[in-house]
PDB file of N, CA and C in Angstrom:
ATOM      1  N   MET A   1      58.570 106.527 -23.968  1.00  0.00           N
ATOM      2  CA  MET A   1      58.035 107.638 -24.710  1.00  0.00           C
ATOM      3  C   MET A   1      56.958 107.209 -25.701  1.00  0.00           C
ATOM      4  N   ASN A   2      56.665 105.926 -25.785  1.00  0.00           N
ATOM      5  CA  ASN A   2      55.658 105.475 -26.740  1.00  0.00           C
ATOM      6  C   ASN A   2      54.286 106.039 -26.436  1.00  0.00           C
ATOM      7  N   SER A   3      54.015 106.319 -25.164  1.00  0.00           N
ATOM      8  CA  SER A   3      52.700 106.850 -24.829  1.00  0.00           C
ATOM      9  C   SER A   3      52.511 108.259 -25.383  1.00  0.00           C
ATOM     10  N   LEU A   4      53.597 109.002 -25.573  1.00  0.00           N
ATOM     11  CA  LEU A   4      53.478 110.341 -26.150  1.00  0.00           C
ATOM     12  C   LEU A   4      53.068 110.280 -27.615  1.00  0.00           C
ATOM     13  N   ARG A   5      53.327 109.159 -28.252  1.00  0.00           N
ATOM     14  CA  ARG A   5      52.944 108.995 -29.645  1.00  0.00           C
ATOM     15  C   ARG A   5      51.433 109.124 -29.807  1.00  0.00           C
ATOM     16  N   TYR A   6      50.684 108.707 -28.826  1.00  0.00           N
ATOM     17  CA  TYR A   6      49.225 108.770 -28.890  1.00  0.00           C
ATOM     18  C   TYR A   6      48.658 109.979 -28.147  1.00  0.00           C
ATOM     19  N   LEU A   7      49.366 110.487 -27.178  1.00  0.00           N
ATOM     20  CA  LEU A   7      48.866 111.625 -26.412  1.00  0.00           C
ATOM     21  C   LEU A   7      48.939 112.940 -27.181  1.00  0.00           C
ATOM     22  N   LEU A   8      50.015 113.156 -27.904  1.00  0.00           N
ATOM     23  CA  LEU A   8      50.170 114.429 -28.599  1.00  0.00           C
ATOM     24  C   LEU A   8      49.146 114.623 -29.718  1.00  0.00           C
ATOM     25  N   PRO A   9      48.848 113.599 -30.535  1.00  0.00           N
ATOM     26  CA  PRO A   9      47.747 113.790 -31.492  1.00  0.00           C
ATOM     27  C   PRO A   9      46.402 113.997 -30.798  1.00  0.00           C
ATOM     28  N   ALA A  10      46.214 113.388 -29.652  1.00  0.00           N
ATOM     29  CA  ALA A  10      44.968 113.589 -28.909  1.00  0.00           C
ATOM     30  C   ALA A  10      44.846 115.037 -28.450  1.00  0.00           C
ATOM     31  N   VAL A  11      45.945 115.653 -28.067  1.00  0.00           N
ATOM     32  CA  VAL A  11      45.936 117.058 -27.669  1.00  0.00           C
ATOM     33  C   VAL A  11      45.522 117.932 -28.857  1.00  0.00           C
ATOM     34  N   ILE A  12      46.069 117.649 -30.017  1.00  0.00           N
ATOM     35  CA  ILE A  12      45.756 118.447 -31.201  1.00  0.00           C
ATOM     36  C   ILE A  12      44.303 118.269 -31.616  1.00  0.00           C
ATOM     37  N   VAL A  13      43.807 117.033 -31.566  1.00  0.00           N
ATOM     38  CA  VAL A  13      42.406 116.779 -31.944  1.00  0.00           C
ATOM     39  C   VAL A  13      41.447 117.485 -30.992  1.00  0.00           C
ATOM     40  N   THR A  14      41.710 117.420 -29.698  1.00  0.00           N
ATOM     41  CA  THR A  14      40.811 118.094 -28.765  1.00  0.00           C
ATOM     42  C   THR A  14      40.933 119.608 -28.864  1.00  0.00           C
ATOM     43  N   ALA A  15      42.128 120.113 -29.190  1.00  0.00           N
ATOM     44  CA  ALA A  15      42.273 121.556 -29.387  1.00  0.00           C
ATOM     45  C   ALA A  15      41.453 122.022 -30.582  1.00  0.00           C
ATOM     46  N   LEU A  16      41.472 121.251 -31.631  1.00  0.00           N
ATOM     47  CA  LEU A  16      40.649 121.597 -32.791  1.00  0.00           C
ATOM     48  C   LEU A  16      39.169 121.476 -32.479  1.00  0.00           C
ATOM     49  N   SER A  17      38.808 120.450 -31.735  1.00  0.00           N
ATOM     50  CA  SER A  17      37.386 120.216 -31.486  1.00  0.00           C
ATOM     51  C   SER A  17      36.774 121.288 -30.585  1.00  0.00           C
ATOM     52  N   HIS A  18      37.520 121.806 -29.619  1.00  0.00           N
ATOM     53  CA  HIS A  18      36.913 122.817 -28.750  1.00  0.00           C
ATOM     54  C   HIS A  18      36.866 124.189 -29.400  1.00  0.00           C
ATOM     55  N   SER A  19      37.535 124.347 -30.524  1.00  0.00           N
ATOM     56  CA  SER A  19      37.425 125.622 -31.225  1.00  0.00           C
ATOM     57  C   SER A  19      36.558 125.515 -32.473  1.00  0.00           C
ATOM     58  N   LEU A  20      35.962 124.369 -32.712  1.00  0.00           N
ATOM     59  CA  LEU A  20      35.102 124.190 -33.880  1.00  0.00           C
ATOM     60  C   LEU A  20      33.901 125.125 -33.864  1.00  0.00           C
ATOM     61  N   CYS A  21      33.385 125.432 -32.688  1.00  0.00           N
ATOM     62  CA  CYS A  21      32.201 126.277 -32.616  1.00  0.00           C
ATOM     63  C   CYS A  21      32.492 127.686 -33.121  1.00  0.00           C
ATOM     64  N   CYS A  22      33.742 128.073 -33.141  1.00  0.00           N
ATOM     65  CA  CYS A  22      34.091 129.422 -33.589  1.00  0.00           C
ATOM     66  C   CYS A  22      34.691 129.431 -34.998  1.00  0.00           C
ATOM     67  N   ILE A  23      35.481 128.427 -35.327  1.00  0.00           N
ATOM     68  CA  ILE A  23      36.192 128.407 -36.598  1.00  0.00           C
ATOM     69  C   ILE A  23      35.336 127.837 -37.722  1.00  0.00           C
ATOM     70  N   LEU A  24      34.605 126.775 -37.448  1.00  0.00           N
ATOM     71  CA  LEU A  24      33.833 126.104 -38.490  1.00  0.00           C
ATOM     72  C   LEU A  24      32.763 127.001 -39.112  1.00  0.00           C
ATOM     73  N   PRO A  25      32.006 127.785 -38.333  1.00  0.00           N
ATOM     74  CA  PRO A  25      31.054 128.690 -38.983  1.00  0.00           C
ATOM     75  C   PRO A  25      31.720 129.722 -39.902  1.00  0.00           C
ATOM     76  N   LEU A  26      32.908 130.167 -39.528  1.00  0.00           N
ATOM     77  CA  LEU A  26      33.626 131.115 -40.370  1.00  0.00           C
ATOM     78  C   LEU A  26      33.973 130.485 -41.717  1.00  0.00           C
ATOM     79  N   PHE A  27      34.462 129.256 -41.694  1.00  0.00           N
ATOM     80  CA  PHE A  27      34.811 128.575 -42.943  1.00  0.00           C
ATOM     81  C   PHE A  27      33.580 128.264 -43.788  1.00  0.00           C
ATOM     82  N   THR A  28      32.467 127.942 -43.147  1.00  0.00           N
ATOM     83  CA  THR A  28      31.266 127.663 -43.931  1.00  0.00           C
ATOM     84  C   THR A  28      30.717 128.930 -44.584  1.00  0.00           C
ATOM     85  N   VAL A  29      30.826 130.060 -43.909  1.00  0.00           N
ATOM     86  CA  VAL A  29      30.397 131.322 -44.517  1.00  0.00           C
ATOM     87  C   VAL A  29      31.308 131.676 -45.687  1.00  0.00           C
ATOM     88  N   LEU A  30      32.612 131.488 -45.503  1.00  0.00           N
ATOM     89  CA  LEU A  30      33.551 131.772 -46.585  1.00  0.00           C
ATOM     90  C   LEU A  30      33.335 130.839 -47.776  1.00  0.00           C
ATOM     91  N   ALA A  31      32.851 129.633 -47.511  1.00  0.00           N
ATOM     92  CA  ALA A  31      32.582 128.671 -48.586  1.00  0.00           C
ATOM     93  C   ALA A  31      31.220 128.909 -49.225  1.00  0.00           C
ATOM     94  N   GLY A  32      30.453 129.844 -48.696  1.00  0.00           N
ATOM     95  CA  GLY A  32      29.153 130.152 -49.261  1.00  0.00           C
ATOM     96  C   GLY A  32      28.017 129.326 -48.696  1.00  0.00           C
ATOM     97  N   LEU A  33      28.236 128.709 -47.555  1.00  0.00           N
ATOM     98  CA  LEU A  33      27.215 127.877 -46.922  1.00  0.00           C
ATOM     99  C   LEU A  33      26.712 128.548 -45.654  1.00  0.00           C
ATOM    100  N   GLY A  34      26.117 129.720 -45.797  1.00  0.00           N
ATOM    101  CA  GLY A  34      25.679 130.508 -44.649  1.00  0.00           C
ATOM    102  C   GLY A  34      24.619 129.829 -43.809  1.00  0.00           C
ATOM    103  N   GLY A  35      23.733 129.064 -44.435  1.00  0.00           N
ATOM    104  CA  GLY A  35      22.685 128.351 -43.696  1.00  0.00           C
ATOM    105  C   GLY A  35      23.263 127.298 -42.770  1.00  0.00           C
ATOM    106  N   LEU A  36      24.297 126.643 -43.229  1.00  0.00           N
ATOM    107  CA  LEU A  36      24.955 125.641 -42.386  1.00  0.00           C
ATOM    108  C   LEU A  36      25.668 126.306 -41.211  1.00  0.00           C
ATOM    109  N   ALA A  37      26.210 127.483 -41.450  1.00  0.00           N
ATOM    110  CA  ALA A  37      26.933 128.192 -40.390  1.00  0.00           C
ATOM    111  C   ALA A  37      26.017 128.560 -39.239  1.00  0.00           C
ATOM    112  N   SER A  38      24.772 128.884 -39.551  1.00  0.00           N
ATOM    113  CA  SER A  38      23.858 129.272 -38.480  1.00  0.00           C
ATOM    114  C   SER A  38      23.460 128.089 -37.608  1.00  0.00           C
ATOM    115  N   SER A  39      23.550 126.881 -38.128  1.00  0.00           N
ATOM    116  CA  SER A  39      23.185 125.712 -37.324  1.00  0.00           C
ATOM    117  C   SER A  39      24.348 125.171 -36.497  1.00  0.00           C
ATOM    118  N   LEU A  40      25.539 125.678 -36.702  1.00  0.00           N
ATOM    119  CA  LEU A  40      26.713 125.160 -35.995  1.00  0.00           C
ATOM    120  C   LEU A  40      26.909 125.780 -34.616  1.00  0.00           C
ATOM    121  N   HIS A  41      26.074 126.722 -34.231  1.00  0.00           N
ATOM    122  CA  HIS A  41      26.221 127.323 -32.904  1.00  0.00           C
ATOM    123  C   HIS A  41      25.863 126.317 -31.802  1.00  0.00           C
ATOM    124  N   THR A  42      25.260 125.194 -32.164  1.00  0.00           N
ATOM    125  CA  THR A  42      24.928 124.172 -31.159  1.00  0.00           C
ATOM    126  C   THR A  42      26.176 123.513 -30.584  1.00  0.00           C
ATOM    127  N   LEU A  43      27.300 123.625 -31.286  1.00  0.00           N
ATOM    128  CA  LEU A  43      28.544 123.064 -30.773  1.00  0.00           C
ATOM    129  C   LEU A  43      29.071 123.831 -29.563  1.00  0.00           C
ATOM    130  N   GLU A  44      28.599 125.050 -29.369  1.00  0.00           N
ATOM    131  CA  GLU A  44      29.063 125.900 -28.270  1.00  0.00           C
ATOM    132  C   GLU A  44      28.822 125.261 -26.904  1.00  0.00           C
ATOM    133  N   GLN A  45      27.764 124.486 -26.774  1.00  0.00           N
ATOM    134  CA  GLN A  45      27.454 123.885 -25.473  1.00  0.00           C
ATOM    135  C   GLN A  45      28.473 122.823 -25.055  1.00  0.00           C
ATOM    136  N   TYR A  46      29.201 122.265 -25.992  1.00  0.00           N
ATOM    137  CA  TYR A  46      30.209 121.247 -25.678  1.00  0.00           C
ATOM    138  C   TYR A  46      31.598 121.832 -25.466  1.00  0.00           C
ATOM    139  N   ARG A  47      31.789 123.107 -25.716  1.00  0.00           N
ATOM    140  CA  ARG A  47      33.115 123.727 -25.644  1.00  0.00           C
ATOM    141  C   ARG A  47      33.755 123.632 -24.252  1.00  0.00           C
ATOM    142  N   PRO A  48      33.066 123.922 -23.158  1.00  0.00           N
ATOM    143  CA  PRO A  48      33.732 123.809 -21.847  1.00  0.00           C
ATOM    144  C   PRO A  48      34.224 122.386 -21.554  1.00  0.00           C
ATOM    145  N   PHE A  49      33.421 121.386 -21.913  1.00  0.00           N
ATOM    146  CA  PHE A  49      33.839 120.003 -21.704  1.00  0.00           C
ATOM    147  C   PHE A  49      35.081 119.686 -22.530  1.00  0.00           C
ATOM    148  N   LEU A  50      35.115 120.137 -23.776  1.00  0.00           N
ATOM    149  CA  LEU A  50      36.255 119.852 -24.646  1.00  0.00           C
ATOM    150  C   LEU A  50      37.508 120.604 -24.213  1.00  0.00           C
ATOM    151  N   ILE A  51      37.346 121.783 -23.647  1.00  0.00           N
ATOM    152  CA  ILE A  51      38.508 122.512 -23.120  1.00  0.00           C
ATOM    153  C   ILE A  51      39.107 121.762 -21.940  1.00  0.00           C
ATOM    154  N   VAL A  52      38.261 121.284 -21.048  1.00  0.00           N
ATOM    155  CA  VAL A  52      38.751 120.518 -19.895  1.00  0.00           C
ATOM    156  C   VAL A  52      39.420 119.233 -20.365  1.00  0.00           C
ATOM    157  N   LEU A  53      38.833 118.572 -21.349  1.00  0.00           N
ATOM    158  CA  LEU A  53      39.433 117.354 -21.898  1.00  0.00           C
ATOM    159  C   LEU A  53      40.786 117.644 -22.522  1.00  0.00           C
ATOM    160  N   ASN A  54      40.880 118.733 -23.266  1.00  0.00           N
ATOM    161  CA  ASN A  54      42.135 119.113 -23.897  1.00  0.00           C
ATOM    162  C   ASN A  54      43.219 119.389 -22.856  1.00  0.00           C
ATOM    163  N   LEU A  55      42.899 120.180 -21.859  1.00  0.00           N
ATOM    164  CA  LEU A  55      43.890 120.506 -20.830  1.00  0.00           C
ATOM    165  C   LEU A  55      44.271 119.286 -19.996  1.00  0.00           C
ATOM    166  N   SER A  56      43.339 118.380 -19.786  1.00  0.00           N
ATOM    167  CA  SER A  56      43.635 117.151 -19.048  1.00  0.00           C
ATOM    168  C   SER A  56      44.597 116.262 -19.823  1.00  0.00           C
ATOM    169  N   ILE A  57      44.346 116.108 -21.114  1.00  0.00           N
ATOM    170  CA  ILE A  57      45.250 115.289 -21.938  1.00  0.00           C
ATOM    171  C   ILE A  57      46.624 115.936 -22.020  1.00  0.00           C
ATOM    172  N   LEU A  58      46.660 117.250 -22.119  1.00  0.00           N
ATOM    173  CA  LEU A  58      47.937 117.959 -22.161  1.00  0.00           C
ATOM    174  C   LEU A  58      48.694 117.796 -20.848  1.00  0.00           C
ATOM    175  N   ALA A  59      48.007 117.908 -19.734  1.00  0.00           N
ATOM    176  CA  ALA A  59      48.654 117.704 -18.429  1.00  0.00           C
ATOM    177  C   ALA A  59      49.166 116.274 -18.303  1.00  0.00           C
ATOM    178  N   TRP A  60      48.388 115.313 -18.779  1.00  0.00           N
ATOM    179  CA  TRP A  60      48.818 113.905 -18.728  1.00  0.00           C
ATOM    180  C   TRP A  60      50.053 113.703 -19.603  1.00  0.00           C
ATOM    181  N   ALA A  61      50.131 114.346 -20.752  1.00  0.00           N
ATOM    182  CA  ALA A  61      51.299 114.221 -21.629  1.00  0.00           C
ATOM    183  C   ALA A  61      52.548 114.788 -20.944  1.00  0.00           C
ATOM    184  N   TYR A  62      52.412 115.947 -20.288  1.00  0.00           N
ATOM    185  CA  TYR A  62      53.552 116.504 -19.564  1.00  0.00           C
ATOM    186  C   TYR A  62      53.961 115.599 -18.407  1.00  0.00           C
ATOM    187  N   TYR A  63      53.000 115.041 -17.718  1.00  0.00           N
ATOM    188  CA  TYR A  63      53.307 114.132 -16.621  1.00  0.00           C
ATOM    189  C   TYR A  63      54.074 112.916 -17.133  1.00  0.00           C
ATOM    190  N   ARG A  64      53.594 112.309 -18.215  1.00  0.00           N
ATOM    191  CA  ARG A  64      54.264 111.129 -18.776  1.00  0.00           C
ATOM    192  C   ARG A  64      55.670 111.475 -19.259  1.00  0.00           C
ATOM    193  N   TYR A  65      55.819 112.639 -19.862  1.00  0.00           N
ATOM    194  CA  TYR A  65      57.117 113.044 -20.379  1.00  0.00           C
ATOM    195  C   TYR A  65      58.123 113.249 -19.255  1.00  0.00           C
ATOM    196  N   HIS A  66      57.734 113.983 -18.222  1.00  0.00           N
ATOM    197  CA  HIS A  66      58.676 114.283 -17.136  1.00  0.00           C
ATOM    198  C   HIS A  66      58.862 113.106 -16.194  1.00  0.00           C
ATOM    199  N   ARG A  67      57.865 112.258 -16.032  1.00  0.00           N
ATOM    200  CA  ARG A  67      58.022 111.076 -15.190  1.00  0.00           C
ATOM    201  C   ARG A  67      59.050 110.135 -15.802  1.00  0.00           C
ATOM    202  N   ARG A  68      58.966 109.961 -17.080  1.00  0.00           N
ATOM    203  CA  ARG A  68      59.919 109.088 -17.773  1.00  0.00           C
ATOM    204  C   ARG A  68      61.327 109.660 -17.688  1.00  0.00           C
ATOM    205  N   LYS A  69      61.436 110.972 -17.823  1.00  0.00           N
ATOM    206  CA  LYS A  69      62.738 111.634 -17.782  1.00  0.00           C
ATOM    207  C   LYS A  69      63.380 111.497 -16.401  1.00  0.00           C
ATOM    208  N   ILE A  70      62.579 111.636 -15.344  1.00  0.00           N
ATOM    209  CA  ILE A  70      63.099 111.512 -13.981  1.00  0.00           C
ATOM    210  C   ILE A  70      63.422 110.060 -13.659  1.00  0.00           C
ATOM    211  N   ALA A  71      62.573 109.137 -14.105  1.00  0.00           N
ATOM    212  CA  ALA A  71      62.770 107.722 -13.800  1.00  0.00           C
ATOM    213  C   ALA A  71      64.015 107.171 -14.477  1.00  0.00           C
ATOM    214  N   CYS A  72      64.390 107.711 -15.619  1.00  0.00           N
ATOM    215  CA  CYS A  72      65.545 107.197 -16.344  1.00  0.00           C
ATOM    216  C   CYS A  72      66.841 107.488 -15.587  1.00  0.00           C
ATOM    217  N   ALA A  73      67.056 108.750 -15.254  1.00  0.00           N
ATOM    218  CA  ALA A  73      68.252 109.184 -14.520  1.00  0.00           C
ATOM    219  C   ALA A  73      69.531 108.636 -15.129  1.00  0.00           C
ATOM    220  N   CYS A  74      69.578 108.665 -16.461  1.00  0.00           N
ATOM    221  CA  CYS A  74      70.740 108.139 -17.181  1.00  0.00           C
ATOM    222  C   CYS A  74      71.831 109.178 -17.374  1.00  0.00           C
ATOM    223  N   GLY A  75      71.572 110.386 -17.029  1.00  0.00           N
ATOM    224  CA  GLY A  75      72.550 111.440 -17.219  1.00  0.00           C
ATOM    225  C   GLY A  75      72.266 112.238 -18.471  1.00  0.00           C
ATOM    226  N   ASP A  76      73.283 112.908 -18.950  1.00  0.00           N
ATOM    227  CA  ASP A  76      73.114 113.799 -20.095  1.00  0.00           C
ATOM    228  C   ASP A  76      72.962 113.060 -21.419  1.00  0.00           C
ATOM    229  N   ALA A  77      73.413 111.835 -21.496  1.00  0.00           N
ATOM    230  CA  ALA A  77      73.342 111.108 -22.766  1.00  0.00           C
ATOM    231  C   ALA A  77      71.895 110.920 -23.209  1.00  0.00           C
ATOM    232  N   HIS A  78      70.999 110.653 -22.276  1.00  0.00           N
ATOM    233  CA  HIS A  78      69.601 110.418 -22.626  1.00  0.00           C
ATOM    234  C   HIS A  78      68.877 111.709 -22.983  1.00  0.00           C
ATOM    235  N   SER A  79      69.207 112.787 -22.322  1.00  0.00           N
ATOM    236  CA  SER A  79      68.488 114.036 -22.539  1.00  0.00           C
ATOM    237  C   SER A  79      68.825 114.686 -23.876  1.00  0.00           C
ATOM    238  N   HIS A  80      69.904 114.247 -24.521  1.00  0.00           N
ATOM    239  CA  HIS A  80      70.287 114.842 -25.791  1.00  0.00           C
ATOM    240  C   HIS A  80      70.050 113.902 -26.964  1.00  0.00           C
ATOM    241  N   SER A  81      69.341 112.813 -26.750  1.00  0.00           N
ATOM    242  CA  SER A  81      69.088 111.905 -27.859  1.00  0.00           C
ATOM    243  C   SER A  81      68.123 112.552 -28.849  1.00  0.00           C
ATOM    244  N   ARG A  82      68.172 112.099 -30.062  1.00  0.00           N
ATOM    245  CA  ARG A  82      67.335 112.661 -31.129  1.00  0.00           C
ATOM    246  C   ARG A  82      65.846 112.439 -30.839  1.00  0.00           C
ATOM    247  N   LYS A  83      65.523 111.256 -30.356  1.00  0.00           N
ATOM    248  CA  LYS A  83      64.132 110.936 -30.045  1.00  0.00           C
ATOM    249  C   LYS A  83      63.603 111.833 -28.921  1.00  0.00           C
ATOM    250  N   GLU A  84      64.433 112.084 -27.941  1.00  0.00           N
ATOM    251  CA  GLU A  84      64.047 112.954 -26.824  1.00  0.00           C
ATOM    252  C   GLU A  84      63.811 114.384 -27.306  1.00  0.00           C
ATOM    253  N   GLN A  85      64.637 114.868 -28.199  1.00  0.00           N
ATOM    254  CA  GLN A  85      64.465 116.213 -28.736  1.00  0.00           C
ATOM    255  C   GLN A  85      63.188 116.324 -29.557  1.00  0.00           C
ATOM    256  N   ILE A  86      62.879 115.298 -30.336  1.00  0.00           N
ATOM    257  CA  ILE A  86      61.657 115.301 -31.134  1.00  0.00           C
ATOM    258  C   ILE A  86      60.433 115.270 -30.236  1.00  0.00           C
ATOM    259  N   ASN A  87      60.475 114.448 -29.184  1.00  0.00           N
ATOM    260  CA  ASN A  87      59.350 114.392 -28.255  1.00  0.00           C
ATOM    261  C   ASN A  87      59.143 115.721 -27.538  1.00  0.00           C
ATOM    262  N   ARG A  88      60.228 116.356 -27.123  1.00  0.00           N
ATOM    263  CA  ARG A  88      60.121 117.635 -26.442  1.00  0.00           C
ATOM    264  C   ARG A  88      59.564 118.706 -27.394  1.00  0.00           C
ATOM    265  N   LEU A  89      60.048 118.719 -28.627  1.00  0.00           N
ATOM    266  CA  LEU A  89      59.554 119.675 -29.612  1.00  0.00           C
ATOM    267  C   LEU A  89      58.075 119.434 -29.922  1.00  0.00           C
ATOM    268  N   ALA A  90      57.678 118.185 -30.070  1.00  0.00           N
ATOM    269  CA  ALA A  90      56.278 117.862 -30.356  1.00  0.00           C
ATOM    270  C   ALA A  90      55.373 118.250 -29.188  1.00  0.00           C
ATOM    271  N   LEU A  91      55.851 118.040 -27.977  1.00  0.00           N
ATOM    272  CA  LEU A  91      55.055 118.405 -26.801  1.00  0.00           C
ATOM    273  C   LEU A  91      54.860 119.917 -26.725  1.00  0.00           C
ATOM    274  N   TRP A  92      55.925 120.673 -26.944  1.00  0.00           N
ATOM    275  CA  TRP A  92      55.804 122.128 -26.896  1.00  0.00           C
ATOM    276  C   TRP A  92      54.992 122.669 -28.074  1.00  0.00           C
ATOM    277  N   ALA A  93      55.130 122.062 -29.239  1.00  0.00           N
ATOM    278  CA  ALA A  93      54.353 122.494 -30.408  1.00  0.00           C
ATOM    279  C   ALA A  93      52.868 122.235 -30.188  1.00  0.00           C
ATOM    280  N   SER A  94      52.542 121.069 -29.633  1.00  0.00           N
ATOM    281  CA  SER A  94      51.125 120.779 -29.373  1.00  0.00           C
ATOM    282  C   SER A  94      50.570 121.678 -28.264  1.00  0.00           C
ATOM    283  N   THR A  95      51.409 122.052 -27.312  1.00  0.00           N
ATOM    284  CA  THR A  95      50.979 122.992 -26.276  1.00  0.00           C
ATOM    285  C   THR A  95      50.697 124.368 -26.879  1.00  0.00           C
ATOM    286  N   ALA A  96      51.582 124.826 -27.737  1.00  0.00           N
ATOM    287  CA  ALA A  96      51.384 126.127 -28.377  1.00  0.00           C
ATOM    288  C   ALA A  96      50.134 126.117 -29.250  1.00  0.00           C
ATOM    289  N   PHE A  97      49.935 125.031 -29.991  1.00  0.00           N
ATOM    290  CA  PHE A  97      48.752 124.928 -30.836  1.00  0.00           C
ATOM    291  C   PHE A  97      47.482 124.891 -29.996  1.00  0.00           C
ATOM    292  N   SER A  98      47.538 124.171 -28.912  1.00  0.00           N
ATOM    293  CA  SER A  98      46.376 124.070 -28.030  1.00  0.00           C
ATOM    294  C   SER A  98      46.030 125.428 -27.425  1.00  0.00           C
ATOM    295  N   LEU A  99      47.028 126.167 -26.983  1.00  0.00           N
ATOM    296  CA  LEU A  99      46.787 127.495 -26.416  1.00  0.00           C
ATOM    297  C   LEU A  99      46.286 128.477 -27.477  1.00  0.00           C
ATOM    298  N   LEU A 100      46.795 128.348 -28.698  1.00  0.00           N
ATOM    299  CA  LEU A 100      46.304 129.182 -29.783  1.00  0.00           C
ATOM    300  C   LEU A 100      44.838 128.904 -30.063  1.00  0.00           C
ATOM    301  N   MET A 101      44.452 127.647 -30.080  1.00  0.00           N
ATOM    302  CA  MET A 101      43.066 127.291 -30.315  1.00  0.00           C
ATOM    303  C   MET A 101      42.174 127.694 -29.130  1.00  0.00           C
ATOM    304  N   LEU A 102      42.752 127.732 -27.951  1.00  0.00           N
ATOM    305  CA  LEU A 102      41.988 128.159 -26.777  1.00  0.00           C
ATOM    306  C   LEU A 102      41.658 129.646 -26.846  1.00  0.00           C
ATOM    307  N   VAL A 103      42.576 130.427 -27.391  1.00  0.00           N
ATOM    308  CA  VAL A 103      42.364 131.862 -27.530  1.00  0.00           C
ATOM    309  C   VAL A 103      41.325 132.146 -28.605  1.00  0.00           C
ATOM    310  N   VAL A 104      41.346 131.362 -29.658  1.00  0.00           N
ATOM    311  CA  VAL A 104      40.400 131.575 -30.768  1.00  0.00           C
ATOM    312  C   VAL A 104      39.085 131.141 -30.325  1.00  0.00           C
TER     313      VAL A 104
END
């Protein structure tokens, strides 16, 4: 499960980055930096690439999580460990956050 330690933050970073073109101008206008907000529309051209990157990293995280779970085949003792529950919760939380950022 050590690979999930690096994959889940990567999912969150890419989710934030592909929504920067929409969220960042809003925050700059609210901060009183309207001129800066008008120049941030250039980030829009990178959004499709960042969405694909985000979904790819998320798919890789699910693959790593379920591959490890199937390969272990230790029974119920492994599936109820504290570390396993934290990893499952972090994976689902990062998925929900990623989908929320995709909608925005």
